[in-house]
């Protein structure tokens, strides 16, 4: 599934007019002006019915209302932007995190048609019973409960009809507007709006692919299959396609609603269990559930935590995990110098940064999140991702680093809701230090990935030949050393002037000494008044004049 082939299509101006009308309604006329299209859609601004009377909401709140009113694609885009405080700022990111992906369900008739088209048989042949009223309804899909013919109760996630066409139309408009704004507002180029839209498109494509979600669910489940406190739904492949996902029905309550429910569970136990589970996902497996809002975390009797909805997943490679763990240790220890060195090593900042200024900013930032010790690592990451710091220090944050901050922030909120004394860092510290100790163990070389073993094999196989070829070239005199120095041309010019000046001084000195010897020898035509040689006198006078000129030039410089 790829939308990029639609990049050069002309945007749908009817839909574009709807978007501009919503922007005008919530007092974002300046954005429309900056696109240069205000005159094209002037009637929007001439009609007062397009405006909300006495709108007192702040800018972040109005942005939230815009995204909600514009529907599916923009709701999803807002959710992605909520993970990018480095672009939109912490206040807007926090507001966009409130976006509720809930819309009225499509008719049962259209959903039935979609299922039958995908599974290529009548609905009553697929399910013994299919409940027409959905148990959940979101912008991309809705979920119905059903019973298979063997009596198994399942949840069926069905993609909304025509949703892909609708998303494509909005993506074309986003690219069109993004390009206009980047060309007209120079400051936006730094934030790479086109790149953000690319990132959004990739995330949306993944979320629209239910086969990928099924694979994510199976992979995630394999990590915790022996953990009786972690539950992952089973996928029924024979009843699933790219647009229909049939999975085990999980009967539980939201993790934030266990108090007062029939579920036998303990808040503090669940808070610690959930945090440990997440840190294992992140630092042990490098594959973590990227959307841990309460609706995706269900609880069953006996403190069993169930994960659902695997459309957004975070991926971290092993090298990055090691560097992140090291960074976290420095943060836990309130070691500002260590944090800066680690950021340099990770190439999040470069050596052109004003280290002293960054140090003061990090001290201020750590003070916000420290009591006796740091309390909220996710909040620290989110604040570090703020646009003012990003721009000031030209910080280059990896995408999954920002997602990690959002996830940890959500975990902290959920944990504190379950246990007022919960501290995410208390759970993270021992686990991270244990995993780091294991990675630093010299015997860990035995656990290297296959790719590293292959690389070592290639190096050992090619090394003798490489050494032989190098020695042969050295013997033939074919090895040269190339040196590159910045500002080498300027250095050469200065060096040439110095050498010239020394040469002239030596010549003048030689002339003075030589002429003195000639004068004393009395050779040549003598000057009767002085008794000196004519030739020696002339040479001496020339040398003296040159010496004076050289001294004057040196003094001038």
Protein backbone atom coordinates (compact mmCIF):
# COMPACT_ATOMS: atom_id res chain seq x y z
CA UNK A 1 0.00 0.00 0.00
CA UNK A 2 1.68 3.23 -1.15
CA UNK A 3 0.19 6.70 -1.51
CA UNK A 4 3.28 8.52 -2.85
CA UNK A 5 2.30 7.96 -6.47
CA UNK A 6 -0.49 10.48 -5.85
CA UNK A 7 1.96 13.28 -4.96
CA UNK A 8 1.65 15.17 -8.24
CA UNK A 9 -2.13 14.98 -8.46
CA UNK A 10 -4.06 18.22 -8.33
CA UNK A 11 -5.62 18.70 -4.87
CA UNK A 12 -9.37 18.45 -4.50
CA UNK A 13 -10.29 22.17 -4.22
CA UNK A 14 -13.74 21.39 -2.85
CA UNK A 15 -12.15 19.57 0.10
CA UNK A 16 -9.49 22.30 0.34
CA UNK A 17 -12.26 24.88 0.69
CA UNK A 18 -13.77 22.84 3.55
CA UNK A 19 -10.38 22.83 5.30
CA UNK A 20 -9.94 26.58 4.89
CA UNK A 21 -13.48 27.17 6.17
CA UNK A 22 -12.66 25.24 9.36
CA UNK A 23 -9.37 27.16 9.79
CA UNK A 24 -11.26 30.45 9.37
CA UNK A 25 -13.95 29.31 11.79
CA UNK A 26 -11.37 28.81 14.55
CA UNK A 27 -9.48 32.04 13.81
CA UNK A 28 -6.51 30.68 11.87
CA UNK A 29 -6.96 33.03 8.91
CA UNK A 30 -3.25 33.92 8.93
CA UNK A 31 -2.36 30.37 7.89
CA UNK A 32 -4.65 30.66 4.85
CA UNK A 33 -3.13 34.06 3.98
CA UNK A 34 0.38 32.62 4.09
CA UNK A 35 -0.51 29.95 1.54
CA UNK A 36 -1.29 32.73 -0.95
CA UNK A 37 -4.73 31.24 -1.66
CA UNK A 38 -6.91 33.68 0.28
CA UNK A 39 -8.15 35.41 -2.88
CA UNK A 40 -9.06 32.05 -4.42
CA UNK A 41 -11.32 31.26 -1.47
CA UNK A 42 -12.32 34.82 -0.57
CA UNK A 43 -15.99 34.01 -0.07
CA UNK A 44 -15.10 32.03 3.05
CA UNK A 45 -13.85 35.16 4.77
CA UNK A 46 -16.66 37.41 3.59
CA UNK A 47 -19.32 35.26 5.24
CA UNK A 48 -19.65 35.64 9.01
CA UNK A 49 -21.46 32.33 9.31
CA UNK A 50 -18.08 30.63 8.94
CA UNK A 51 -16.86 32.09 12.24
CA UNK A 52 -17.45 31.03 15.84
CA UNK A 53 -18.77 33.92 17.89
CA UNK A 54 -16.84 34.89 21.04
CA UNK A 55 -14.26 32.12 20.79
CA UNK A 56 -12.21 32.31 23.99
CA UNK A 57 -10.17 29.12 23.56
CA UNK A 58 -6.37 29.29 23.52
CA UNK A 59 -4.46 28.53 20.32
CA UNK A 60 -3.65 24.89 21.31
CA UNK A 61 -7.32 24.29 22.19
CA UNK A 62 -8.46 25.77 18.87
CA UNK A 63 -5.93 23.59 17.01
CA UNK A 64 -7.48 20.56 18.73
CA UNK A 65 -10.97 21.64 17.56
CA UNK A 66 -9.70 22.06 13.97
CA UNK A 67 -8.26 18.53 13.86
CA UNK A 68 -11.39 17.03 15.40
CA UNK A 69 -13.69 18.74 12.90
CA UNK A 70 -11.58 17.84 9.84
CA UNK A 71 -12.03 14.12 10.46
CA UNK A 72 -10.10 10.87 10.08
CA UNK A 73 -6.86 11.89 8.37
CA UNK A 74 -6.39 15.02 10.46
CA UNK A 75 -7.27 13.21 13.70
CA UNK A 76 -4.55 10.69 12.90
CA UNK A 77 -2.16 13.49 11.88
CA UNK A 78 -2.87 15.25 15.19
CA UNK A 79 -2.10 12.05 17.09
CA UNK A 80 1.24 11.76 15.27
CA UNK A 81 2.02 15.44 15.98
CA UNK A 82 1.24 14.85 19.65
CA UNK A 83 4.37 12.66 19.63
CA UNK A 84 6.44 15.50 18.12
CA UNK A 85 6.80 18.26 20.72
CA UNK A 86 10.07 19.09 18.92
CA UNK A 87 7.93 20.46 16.06
CA UNK A 88 4.68 21.76 17.55
CA UNK A 89 5.79 22.53 21.10
CA UNK A 90 4.91 20.86 24.40
CA UNK A 91 1.62 22.76 24.92
CA UNK A 92 0.19 21.86 21.50
CA UNK A 93 1.50 18.29 21.74
CA UNK A 94 -0.22 17.82 25.10
CA UNK A 95 -3.47 19.25 23.72
CA UNK A 96 -3.36 17.03 20.60
CA UNK A 97 -2.81 14.01 22.85
CA UNK A 98 -6.44 14.52 23.93
CA UNK A 99 -7.72 13.72 20.43
CA UNK A 100 -10.36 11.04 20.78
CA UNK A 101 -10.47 8.76 17.79
CA UNK A 102 -14.20 8.11 18.17
CA UNK A 103 -16.72 8.67 15.39
CA UNK A 104 -20.25 7.39 14.74
CA UNK A 105 -20.21 3.85 13.29
CA UNK A 106 -20.94 3.00 9.68
CA UNK A 107 -24.14 1.09 8.92
CA UNK A 108 -24.19 -2.66 9.48
CA UNK A 109 -25.09 -3.10 5.82
CA UNK A 110 -21.86 -1.47 4.60
CA UNK A 111 -19.75 -3.34 7.17
CA UNK A 112 -21.33 -6.66 6.22
CA UNK A 113 -20.55 -5.98 2.55
CA UNK A 114 -16.93 -5.14 3.40
CA UNK A 115 -16.45 -8.39 5.38
CA UNK A 116 -18.05 -10.55 2.68
CA UNK A 117 -15.92 -8.94 -0.05
CA UNK A 118 -12.74 -9.50 1.94
CA UNK A 119 -13.42 -13.07 3.12
CA UNK A 120 -15.23 -13.99 -0.13
CA UNK A 121 -18.25 -15.73 1.42
CA UNK A 122 -21.57 -14.84 3.06
CA UNK A 123 -21.43 -13.56 6.63
CA UNK A 124 -23.54 -16.42 8.03
CA UNK A 125 -21.05 -18.94 6.59
CA UNK A 126 -18.21 -17.22 8.40
CA UNK A 127 -19.80 -16.63 11.80
CA UNK A 128 -22.42 -18.46 13.82
CA UNK A 129 -23.50 -15.06 15.16
CA UNK A 130 -22.40 -11.50 14.32
CA UNK A 131 -23.50 -8.63 16.58
CA UNK A 132 -24.65 -5.68 14.48
CA UNK A 133 -23.97 -2.98 17.09
CA UNK A 134 -20.19 -2.33 17.33
CA UNK A 135 -18.40 -2.47 20.68
CA UNK A 136 -15.93 0.23 19.52
CA UNK A 137 -15.92 2.76 16.69
CA UNK A 138 -12.88 4.75 15.53
CA UNK A 139 -12.00 6.81 12.46
CA UNK A 140 -10.30 4.01 10.54
CA UNK A 141 -12.23 0.96 11.73
CA UNK A 142 -14.95 -0.32 14.01
CA UNK A 143 -15.01 -3.48 16.12
CA UNK A 144 -17.91 -5.98 16.35
CA UNK A 145 -18.28 -8.98 18.57
CA UNK A 146 -18.98 -12.32 16.84
CA UNK A 147 -19.08 -16.07 17.50
CA UNK A 148 -17.36 -18.59 15.24
CA UNK A 149 -19.14 -21.82 14.31
CA UNK A 150 -17.05 -23.71 16.91
CA UNK A 151 -18.43 -21.41 19.62
CA UNK A 152 -15.33 -19.24 20.01
CA UNK A 153 -16.12 -15.64 20.90
CA UNK A 154 -14.10 -13.19 18.78
CA UNK A 155 -13.69 -9.46 18.11
CA UNK A 156 -13.81 -8.47 14.44
CA UNK A 157 -12.05 -5.24 13.46
CA UNK A 158 -13.36 -3.98 10.09
CA UNK A 159 -11.88 -1.12 8.07
CA UNK A 160 -14.39 1.57 7.12
CA UNK A 161 -15.48 1.42 3.45
CA UNK A 162 -13.68 3.94 1.18
CA UNK A 163 -11.43 5.11 4.00
CA UNK A 164 -8.29 4.71 1.85
CA UNK A 165 -9.67 6.99 -0.91
CA UNK A 166 -10.56 9.60 1.70
CA UNK A 167 -7.09 9.44 3.26
CA UNK A 168 -5.38 9.73 -0.14
CA UNK A 169 -7.39 12.87 -0.96
CA UNK A 170 -6.37 14.52 2.32
CA UNK A 171 -2.72 13.50 1.97
CA UNK A 172 -2.53 15.15 -1.46
CA UNK A 173 -3.88 18.36 0.10
CA UNK A 174 -1.43 18.11 3.02
CA UNK A 175 1.52 17.80 0.66
CA UNK A 176 0.22 20.70 -1.45
CA UNK A 177 -0.26 23.01 1.56
CA UNK A 178 2.98 21.87 3.21
CA UNK A 179 4.93 22.76 0.05
CA UNK A 180 3.27 26.18 -0.18
CA UNK A 181 3.99 27.02 3.45
CA UNK A 182 7.62 25.83 3.27
CA UNK A 183 8.25 28.04 0.22
CA UNK A 184 6.59 31.10 1.76
CA UNK A 185 7.72 30.82 5.40
CA UNK A 186 11.49 30.35 5.56
CA UNK A 187 11.52 29.33 9.27
CA UNK A 188 9.39 26.28 8.48
CA UNK A 189 12.13 24.77 6.32
CA UNK A 190 14.08 23.93 9.46
CA UNK A 191 11.18 21.75 10.69
CA UNK A 192 11.03 19.75 7.44
CA UNK A 193 7.24 19.76 7.01
CA UNK A 194 7.51 17.44 3.99
CA UNK A 195 9.47 14.96 6.10
CA UNK A 196 6.83 15.09 8.84
CA UNK A 197 4.11 14.34 6.28
CA UNK A 198 6.23 11.44 4.97
CA UNK A 199 6.51 10.09 8.51
CA UNK A 200 2.76 10.47 9.00
CA UNK A 201 2.05 8.67 5.72
CA UNK A 202 4.26 5.72 6.71
CA UNK A 203 2.54 5.47 10.10
CA UNK A 204 -0.91 5.68 8.50
CA UNK A 205 -0.09 3.04 5.89
CA UNK A 206 0.96 0.70 8.71
CA UNK A 207 -2.23 1.40 10.63
CA UNK A 208 -4.35 0.66 7.54
CA UNK A 209 -2.63 -2.70 7.07
CA UNK A 210 -4.37 -5.18 9.38
CA UNK A 211 -2.11 -8.02 8.24
CA UNK A 212 0.85 -6.06 9.64
CA UNK A 213 -1.08 -5.47 12.87
CA UNK A 214 -1.72 -9.21 13.13
CA UNK A 215 2.02 -9.92 12.75
CA UNK A 216 2.81 -7.30 15.40
CA UNK A 217 0.32 -8.95 17.73
CA UNK A 218 1.85 -12.40 17.23
CA UNK A 219 5.43 -11.11 17.66
CA UNK A 220 4.51 -9.21 20.82
CA UNK A 221 2.66 -12.24 22.20
CA UNK A 222 5.70 -14.48 21.68
CA UNK A 223 7.74 -12.32 24.09
CA UNK A 224 5.28 -12.85 26.96
CA UNK A 225 3.78 -16.26 26.21
CA UNK A 226 5.20 -17.67 29.46
CA UNK A 227 4.08 -14.70 31.57
CA UNK A 228 0.74 -15.48 33.22
CA UNK A 229 0.18 -11.78 34.04
CA UNK A 230 0.44 -10.53 30.43
CA UNK A 231 -2.33 -11.29 27.95
CA UNK A 232 -2.28 -10.78 24.15
CA UNK A 233 -5.24 -11.69 21.90
CA UNK A 234 -4.90 -14.63 19.56
CA UNK A 235 -5.20 -13.88 15.84
CA UNK A 236 -7.52 -16.05 13.69
CA UNK A 237 -5.72 -16.01 10.32
CA UNK A 238 -8.46 -17.81 8.40
CA UNK A 239 -10.83 -14.95 9.19
CA UNK A 240 -8.41 -12.06 8.66
CA UNK A 241 -7.22 -10.00 5.67
CA UNK A 242 -5.58 -6.61 5.10
CA UNK A 243 -8.95 -4.93 5.92
CA UNK A 244 -10.48 -7.40 8.40
CA UNK A 245 -8.80 -8.59 11.59
CA UNK A 246 -10.46 -11.33 13.63
CA UNK A 247 -8.96 -11.89 17.06
CA UNK A 248 -9.73 -13.39 20.44
CA UNK A 249 -12.35 -11.42 22.39
CA UNK A 250 -10.87 -10.06 25.64
CA UNK A 251 -13.35 -9.45 28.43
CA UNK A 252 -11.83 -6.95 30.82
CA UNK A 253 -12.06 -3.39 32.09
CA UNK A 254 -9.91 -0.38 31.24
CA UNK A 255 -6.87 -0.11 33.48
CA UNK A 256 -8.13 3.26 34.76
CA UNK A 257 -11.54 1.86 35.70
CA UNK A 258 -10.67 -1.11 37.94
CA UNK A 259 -11.71 0.74 41.09
CA UNK A 260 -15.39 0.02 41.68
CA UNK A 261 -15.46 -2.74 39.02
CA UNK A 262 -15.99 -6.51 39.51
CA UNK A 263 -12.38 -7.25 38.51
CA UNK A 264 -10.19 -8.60 41.28
CA UNK A 265 -7.00 -6.56 40.82
CA UNK A 266 -4.65 -4.40 42.88
CA UNK A 267 -3.64 -0.91 41.65
CA UNK A 268 -0.02 -0.77 42.94
CA UNK A 269 0.66 -4.30 41.71
CA UNK A 270 -0.67 -3.46 38.25
CA UNK A 271 1.34 -0.22 38.11
CA UNK A 272 4.61 -2.06 38.80
CA UNK A 273 3.66 -4.96 36.52
CA UNK A 274 2.84 -2.64 33.62
CA UNK A 275 6.04 -0.61 34.05
CA UNK A 276 8.23 -3.74 34.19
CA UNK A 277 6.48 -5.12 31.12
CA UNK A 278 7.07 -1.91 29.18
CA UNK A 279 10.73 -1.61 30.13
CA UNK A 280 11.29 -5.20 28.96
CA UNK A 281 9.57 -4.37 25.67
CA UNK A 282 11.77 -1.30 25.20
CA UNK A 283 15.18 -2.33 26.51
CA UNK A 284 15.17 -6.10 26.15
CA UNK A 285 13.28 -6.63 22.89
CA UNK A 286 13.42 -3.20 21.19
CA UNK A 287 9.80 -3.63 20.13
CA UNK A 288 7.16 -1.85 22.15
CA UNK A 289 3.45 -1.03 22.12
CA UNK A 290 3.36 2.60 20.97
CA UNK A 291 -0.11 3.62 22.15
CA UNK A 292 -0.65 2.71 25.82
CA UNK A 293 -3.73 4.82 26.45
CA UNK A 294 -6.24 3.29 28.92
CA UNK A 295 -8.53 1.98 26.15
CA UNK A 296 -5.72 -0.26 24.90
CA UNK A 297 -4.85 -1.69 28.33
CA UNK A 298 -7.48 -4.01 29.80
CA UNK A 299 -7.37 -5.80 33.14
CA UNK A 300 -8.74 -9.24 34.06
CA UNK A 301 -9.03 -11.03 37.40
CA UNK A 302 -5.77 -11.87 39.12
CA UNK A 303 -3.83 -8.78 37.98
CA UNK A 304 -3.73 -9.90 34.35
CA UNK A 305 -2.84 -7.02 32.01
CA UNK A 306 -4.12 -7.35 28.42
CA UNK A 307 -2.73 -5.34 25.49
CA UNK A 308 -4.92 -4.63 22.47
CA UNK A 309 -4.52 -2.58 19.25
CA UNK A 310 -1.08 -3.14 17.73
CA UNK A 311 -1.31 -0.61 14.90
CA UNK A 312 1.38 1.71 16.36
CA UNK A 313 4.59 -0.02 17.44
CA UNK A 314 8.02 1.36 18.33
CA UNK A 315 11.18 -0.26 16.96
CA UNK A 316 14.69 0.21 18.44
CA UNK A 317 17.88 -1.50 17.24
CA UNK A 318 20.20 -3.06 19.82
CA UNK A 319 22.97 -0.43 19.48
CA UNK A 320 20.47 2.37 20.03
CA UNK A 321 19.00 0.56 23.05
CA UNK A 322 22.46 0.40 24.67
CA UNK A 323 23.09 4.11 24.15
CA UNK A 324 19.61 5.02 25.44
CA UNK A 325 20.15 2.93 28.59
CA UNK A 326 23.49 4.66 29.17
CA UNK A 327 21.81 8.06 28.70
CA UNK A 328 19.10 7.10 31.21
CA UNK A 329 21.73 6.12 33.80
CA UNK A 330 23.31 9.59 33.50
CA UNK A 331 19.85 11.18 33.83
CA UNK A 332 19.03 9.04 36.90
CA UNK A 333 22.35 10.10 38.47
CA UNK A 334 21.74 13.79 37.64
CA UNK A 335 25.10 13.78 35.81
CA UNK A 336 24.93 16.74 33.41
CA UNK A 337 28.43 16.23 31.97
CA UNK A 338 27.65 12.57 31.37
CA UNK A 339 24.37 13.48 29.64
CA UNK A 340 26.16 15.92 27.31
CA UNK A 341 28.91 13.42 26.45
CA UNK A 342 26.30 10.77 25.72
CA UNK A 343 24.29 13.15 23.50
CA UNK A 344 27.48 13.88 21.56
CA UNK A 345 28.23 10.16 21.24
CA UNK A 346 24.69 9.49 19.99
CA UNK A 347 25.08 12.40 17.50
CA UNK A 348 21.93 14.03 18.90
CA UNK A 349 24.09 17.15 19.21
CA UNK A 350 27.43 17.95 17.54
CA UNK A 351 30.65 19.57 18.76
CA UNK A 352 29.65 23.01 17.45
CA UNK A 353 27.11 23.32 20.28
CA UNK A 354 27.70 25.86 23.05
CA UNK A 355 28.35 23.24 25.75
CA UNK A 356 28.31 25.71 28.65
CA UNK A 357 24.91 27.11 27.63
CA UNK A 358 23.49 23.59 27.12
CA UNK A 359 24.79 22.60 30.54
CA UNK A 360 22.84 25.41 32.23
CA UNK A 361 19.67 24.53 30.28
CA UNK A 362 19.97 20.85 31.27
CA UNK A 363 20.47 21.78 34.92
CA UNK A 364 17.27 23.88 34.80
CA UNK A 365 15.44 21.05 33.04
CA UNK A 366 16.56 18.41 35.54
CA UNK A 367 15.51 20.69 38.41
CA UNK A 368 11.93 20.61 37.04
CA UNK A 369 11.73 16.81 37.34
CA UNK A 370 13.85 16.12 40.41
CA UNK A 371 12.78 15.87 43.99
CA UNK A 372 15.26 13.87 45.95
CA UNK A 373 15.66 12.04 42.63
CA UNK A 374 14.18 12.21 39.16
CA UNK A 375 10.48 11.39 39.11
CA UNK A 376 9.33 11.55 35.47
CA UNK A 377 11.80 10.46 32.78
CA UNK A 378 9.14 10.74 30.04
CA UNK A 379 8.41 14.34 31.00
CA UNK A 380 12.14 15.12 30.88
CA UNK A 381 12.42 13.69 27.34
CA UNK A 382 9.34 15.63 26.20
CA UNK A 383 10.72 18.92 27.57
CA UNK A 384 14.12 18.22 26.02
CA UNK A 385 12.26 17.79 22.70
CA UNK A 386 10.74 21.29 22.90
CA UNK A 387 11.20 23.43 19.72
CA UNK A 388 13.17 26.19 21.47
CA UNK A 389 15.88 23.74 22.60
CA UNK A 390 15.76 21.87 19.28
CA UNK A 391 16.39 25.09 17.36
CA UNK A 392 18.87 26.59 19.84
CA UNK A 393 21.18 23.57 19.84
CA UNK A 394 20.30 22.06 16.42
CA UNK A 395 19.26 18.85 18.20
CA UNK A 396 18.63 15.84 15.93
CA UNK A 397 16.25 13.50 17.76
CA UNK A 398 15.51 10.03 16.35
CA UNK A 399 11.78 9.50 15.73
CA UNK A 400 11.48 6.56 18.14
CA UNK A 401 13.25 8.56 20.87
CA UNK A 402 10.31 10.99 20.84
CA UNK A 403 7.76 8.13 20.77
CA UNK A 404 9.61 6.63 23.73
CA UNK A 405 9.20 9.87 25.69
CA UNK A 406 5.46 9.95 24.96
CA UNK A 407 5.00 6.32 26.00
CA UNK A 408 6.92 6.78 29.25
CA UNK A 409 4.90 9.91 30.03
CA UNK A 410 1.64 8.00 29.52
CA UNK A 411 2.93 5.15 31.70
CA UNK A 412 3.77 7.60 34.47
CA UNK A 413 0.25 9.07 34.35
CA UNK A 414 -1.41 5.63 34.40
CA UNK A 415 0.93 4.40 37.17
CA UNK A 416 0.18 7.39 39.40
CA UNK A 417 -3.55 6.84 38.81
CA UNK A 418 -3.18 3.28 40.11
CA UNK A 419 -0.75 4.07 42.92
CA UNK A 420 -0.15 7.61 44.29
CA UNK A 421 3.32 6.51 45.48
CA UNK A 422 4.31 5.08 42.08
CA UNK A 423 7.71 6.12 40.72
CA UNK A 424 8.52 4.94 37.20
CA UNK A 425 12.25 5.47 37.74
CA UNK A 426 12.29 3.11 40.74
CA UNK A 427 11.13 0.35 38.41
CA UNK A 428 13.45 1.36 35.55
CA UNK A 429 16.73 1.73 37.45
CA UNK A 430 17.39 -1.86 38.54
CA UNK A 431 16.19 -3.33 35.23
CA UNK A 432 18.33 -0.98 33.10
CA UNK A 433 21.44 -1.50 35.24
CA UNK A 434 20.95 -5.27 35.10
CA UNK A 435 20.57 -5.24 31.30
CA UNK A 436 23.60 -2.94 30.93
CA UNK A 437 25.72 -5.22 33.12
CA UNK A 438 24.72 -8.14 30.92
CA UNK A 439 25.62 -6.25 27.73
CA UNK A 440 28.99 -5.14 29.18
CA UNK A 441 29.92 -8.72 30.16
CA UNK A 442 32.89 -9.85 27.96
CA UNK A 443 31.24 -13.24 27.56
CA UNK A 444 28.36 -11.44 25.81
CA UNK A 445 30.37 -11.71 22.59
CA UNK A 446 29.02 -15.25 22.37
CA UNK A 447 25.52 -13.80 22.01
CA UNK A 448 26.33 -11.49 19.08
CA UNK A 449 23.87 -11.45 16.26
CA UNK A 450 24.49 -13.56 13.19
CA UNK A 451 25.29 -10.43 11.16
CA UNK A 452 28.21 -9.60 13.48
CA UNK A 453 29.55 -13.13 13.21
CA UNK A 454 29.33 -12.89 9.42
CA UNK A 455 31.17 -9.56 9.51
CA UNK A 456 33.95 -11.07 11.67
CA UNK A 457 34.18 -14.02 9.27
CA UNK A 458 34.49 -11.68 6.27
CA UNK A 459 37.17 -9.59 8.00
CA UNK A 460 39.23 -12.65 9.01
CA UNK A 461 38.94 -14.09 5.48
CA UNK A 462 39.90 -10.86 3.69
CA UNK A 463 42.57 -9.66 6.15
CA UNK A 464 45.58 -11.68 4.79
CA UNK A 465 44.86 -10.61 1.21
CA UNK A 466 44.40 -6.96 2.27
CA UNK A 467 47.73 -6.96 4.18
CA UNK A 468 49.51 -8.62 1.23
CA UNK A 469 48.14 -6.06 -1.27
CA UNK A 470 49.08 -3.15 1.03
CA UNK A 471 52.67 -4.40 1.49
CA UNK A 472 53.05 -4.92 -2.27
CA UNK A 473 51.91 -1.36 -3.00
CA UNK A 474 54.29 -0.03 -0.34
CA UNK A 475 57.17 -1.95 -1.92
CA UNK A 476 56.37 -0.44 -5.34
CA UNK A 477 56.07 3.05 -3.85
CA UNK A 478 52.41 3.28 -4.81
CA UNK A 479 51.14 4.30 -1.37
CA UNK A 480 50.79 8.01 -0.84
CA UNK A 481 49.56 10.06 2.07
CA UNK A 482 46.94 12.67 1.41
CA UNK A 483 46.43 15.45 3.95
CA UNK A 484 43.58 17.93 3.94
CA UNK A 485 43.66 21.05 6.08
CA UNK A 486 40.93 23.64 6.38
CA UNK A 487 42.03 27.09 5.09
CA UNK A 488 45.14 25.52 3.53
CA UNK A 489 45.26 28.14 0.76
CA UNK A 490 45.42 31.02 3.24
CA UNK A 491 48.08 29.18 5.22
CA UNK A 492 50.17 28.66 2.04
CA UNK A 493 50.00 32.36 1.15
CA UNK A 494 51.15 33.37 4.64
CA UNK A 495 53.92 30.78 4.56
CA UNK A 496 55.12 32.02 1.14
CA UNK A 497 55.31 35.61 2.43
CA UNK A 498 57.32 34.52 5.47
CA UNK A 499 59.79 32.56 3.32
CA UNK A 500 60.13 35.49 0.87
CA UNK A 501 60.85 37.90 3.70
CA UNK A 502 63.49 35.60 5.20
CA UNK A 503 65.09 35.14 1.75
CA UNK A 504 65.27 38.90 1.17
CA UNK A 505 66.80 39.43 4.62
CA UNK A 506 69.46 36.79 3.89
CA UNK A 507 70.27 38.38 0.51
CA UNK A 508 70.58 41.85 2.05
CA UNK A 509 72.79 40.46 4.82
CA UNK A 510 75.00 38.78 2.22
CA UNK A 511 75.29 41.99 0.20
CA UNK A 512 76.29 44.00 3.28
CA UNK A 513 78.93 41.45 4.33
CA UNK A 514 80.23 41.11 0.73
CA UNK A 515 80.44 44.82 0.10
CA UNK A 516 82.28 45.33 3.40
CA UNK A 517 84.92 42.83 2.31
CA UNK A 518 85.29 44.58 -1.08
CA UNK A 519 85.62 47.95 0.62
CA UNK A 520 88.42 46.65 2.83
CA UNK A 521 90.24 45.03 -0.10
CA UNK A 522 90.67 48.39 -1.84
CA UNK A 523 89.99 46.85 -5.25
CA UNK A 524 88.22 48.61 -8.09
CA UNK A 525 88.28 52.32 -8.82
CA UNK A 526 88.92 54.08 -5.47
CA UNK A 527 87.01 57.07 -4.15
CA UNK A 528 89.87 59.46 -3.39
CA UNK A 529 88.02 61.39 -0.69
CA UNK A 530 87.18 58.28 1.33
CA UNK A 531 89.79 55.83 0.14
CA UNK A 532 87.15 53.12 -0.45
CA UNK A 533 86.48 50.93 -3.55
CA UNK A 534 83.80 52.31 -5.88
CA UNK A 535 82.13 48.90 -6.45
CA UNK A 536 82.10 48.09 -2.74
CA UNK A 537 80.57 51.45 -1.94
CA UNK A 538 77.76 51.08 -4.50
CA UNK A 539 76.87 47.57 -3.29
CA UNK A 540 76.90 48.71 0.35
CA UNK A 541 74.58 51.66 -0.41
CA UNK A 542 72.10 49.37 -2.35
CA UNK A 543 72.07 46.82 0.48
CA UNK A 544 71.47 49.56 3.08
CA UNK A 545 68.51 50.96 1.08
CA UNK A 546 66.97 47.47 0.72
CA UNK A 547 67.40 46.81 4.44
CA UNK A 548 65.63 50.08 5.30
CA UNK A 549 62.73 49.22 2.95
CA UNK A 550 62.39 45.74 4.51
CA UNK A 551 62.38 47.14 8.07
CA UNK A 552 59.75 49.78 7.14
CA UNK A 553 57.47 47.08 5.59
CA UNK A 554 57.78 44.87 8.65
CA UNK A 555 56.97 47.77 10.98
CA UNK A 556 53.94 48.70 8.86
CA UNK A 557 52.55 45.14 9.17
